[in-house]
C-alpha atoms as a PDB file:
ATOM      1  CA  MET A   1       6.663  20.171 -20.874  1.00  0.00           C
ATOM      2  CA  THR A   2       3.717  17.919 -21.597  1.00  0.00           C
ATOM      3  CA  ASP A   3       0.682  19.310 -23.386  1.00  0.00           C
ATOM      4  CA  GLN A   4      -1.958  19.391 -20.628  1.00  0.00           C
ATOM      5  CA  THR A   5      -4.817  19.175 -23.145  1.00  0.00           C
ATOM      6  CA  ARG A   6      -3.804  15.749 -24.483  1.00  0.00           C
ATOM      7  CA  TRP A   7      -6.008  12.745 -23.858  1.00  0.00           C
ATOM      8  CA  GLY A   8      -5.096  10.761 -20.751  1.00  0.00           C
ATOM      9  CA  ILE A   9      -3.254  13.511 -18.860  1.00  0.00           C
ATOM     10  CA  LEU A  10      -5.851  13.521 -16.072  1.00  0.00           C
ATOM     11  CA  GLU A  11      -5.448   9.742 -15.641  1.00  0.00           C
ATOM     12  CA  VAL A  12      -1.662  10.074 -15.461  1.00  0.00           C
ATOM     13  CA  GLN A  13      -1.934  12.860 -12.896  1.00  0.00           C
ATOM     14  CA  THR A  14      -4.400  10.829 -10.818  1.00  0.00           C
ATOM     15  CA  LYS A  15      -2.106   7.797 -10.928  1.00  0.00           C
ATOM     16  CA  ASN A  16       0.874   9.911  -9.887  1.00  0.00           C
ATOM     17  CA  LYS A  17      -1.103  11.394  -6.981  1.00  0.00           C
ATOM     18  CA  ALA A  18      -2.074   7.897  -5.812  1.00  0.00           C
ATOM     19  CA  ILE A  19       1.568   6.764  -5.946  1.00  0.00           C
ATOM     20  CA  LYS A  20       2.692   9.838  -4.005  1.00  0.00           C
ATOM     21  CA  TYR A  21      -0.049   9.251  -1.403  1.00  0.00           C
ATOM     22  CA  GLN A  22       1.130   5.659  -0.875  1.00  0.00           C
ATOM     23  CA  ARG A  23       4.751   6.804  -0.510  1.00  0.00           C
ATOM     24  CA  ASP A  24       3.678   9.457   1.992  1.00  0.00           C
ATOM     25  CA  LEU A  25       1.802   6.811   4.007  1.00  0.00           C
ATOM     26  CA  VAL A  26       4.919   4.629   4.139  1.00  0.00           C
ATOM     27  CA  SER A  27       7.044   7.590   5.168  1.00  0.00           C
ATOM     28  CA  ARG A  28       4.686   8.542   7.998  1.00  0.00           C
ATOM     29  CA  ALA A  29       4.477   4.923   9.156  1.00  0.00           C
ATOM     30  CA  MET A  30       8.271   4.655   9.228  1.00  0.00           C
ATOM     31  CA  ASP A  31       8.436   7.769  11.408  1.00  0.00           C
ATOM     32  CA  GLN A  32       6.312   5.888  13.948  1.00  0.00           C
ATOM     33  CA  VAL A  33       8.214   2.600  13.583  1.00  0.00           C
ATOM     34  CA  ILE A  34      11.468   4.363  14.483  1.00  0.00           C
ATOM     35  CA  LYS A  35       9.914   5.244  17.851  1.00  0.00           C
ATOM     36  CA  MET A  36       8.926   1.612  18.617  1.00  0.00           C
ATOM     37  CA  ASP A  37      10.867  -0.971  20.575  1.00  0.00           C
ATOM     38  CA  GLU A  38      11.576  -4.527  19.389  1.00  0.00           C
ATOM     39  CA  SER A  39       8.350  -6.087  20.694  1.00  0.00           C
ATOM     40  CA  GLY A  40       6.215  -3.365  19.091  1.00  0.00           C
ATOM     41  CA  ILE A  41       7.927  -3.805  15.729  1.00  0.00           C
ATOM     42  CA  THR A  42       7.494  -7.590  15.942  1.00  0.00           C
ATOM     43  CA  ASP A  43       3.778  -7.222  16.680  1.00  0.00           C
ATOM     44  CA  LEU A  44       3.432  -4.774  13.802  1.00  0.00           C
ATOM     45  CA  MET A  45       5.188  -7.166  11.418  1.00  0.00           C
ATOM     46  CA  ILE A  46       2.787  -9.965  12.360  1.00  0.00           C
ATOM     47  CA  GLU A  47      -0.235  -7.724  11.788  1.00  0.00           C
ATOM     48  CA  ILE A  48       1.131  -6.485   8.446  1.00  0.00           C
ATOM     49  CA  GLU A  49       1.799 -10.036   7.247  1.00  0.00           C
ATOM     50  CA  ALA A  50      -1.720 -11.102   8.229  1.00  0.00           C
ATOM     51  CA  GLU A  51      -3.277  -8.118   6.442  1.00  0.00           C
ATOM     52  CA  TYR A  52      -1.139  -8.715   3.346  1.00  0.00           C
ATOM     53  CA  GLU A  53      -2.166 -12.381   3.251  1.00  0.00           C
ATOM     54  CA  ARG A  54      -5.823 -11.415   3.684  1.00  0.00           C
ATOM     55  CA  LYS A  55      -5.694  -8.918   0.814  1.00  0.00           C
ATOM     56  CA  TYR A  56      -3.270 -10.491  -1.644  1.00  0.00           C
ATOM     57  CA  GLY A  57      -2.718 -14.095  -0.615  1.00  0.00           C
ATOM     58  CA  GLN A  58      -3.962 -17.035  -2.631  1.00  0.00           C
ATOM     59  CA  ASN A  59      -7.153 -17.899  -0.811  1.00  0.00           C
ATOM     60  CA  LYS A  60      -8.066 -21.504  -1.595  1.00  0.00           C
ATOM     61  CA  LYS A  61     -11.744 -21.153  -0.762  1.00  0.00           C
ATOM     62  CA  ASP A  62     -12.102 -18.510  -3.514  1.00  0.00           C
ATOM     63  CA  ASN A  63     -11.185 -21.184  -6.087  1.00  0.00           C
ATOM     64  CA  LEU A  64     -13.937 -23.597  -5.045  1.00  0.00           C
ATOM     65  CA  VAL A  65     -16.896 -24.130  -7.345  1.00  0.00           C
ATOM     66  CA  LEU A  66     -20.117 -25.190  -5.640  1.00  0.00           C
END
């Protein structure tokens, strides 16, 4: 068992809670995806790809220096 008074334990616990929250979100989303038909899943994939590109894609205008 880890000593709960050590430095950094709170940060580790917070990180673990964030990871669990993300996994729970994926699990709940998959429960809804199972209920969808092919066209709904296709639309969802397009929206997810667009959101992913918006958040994490290499945006060329961010590299411009004015």
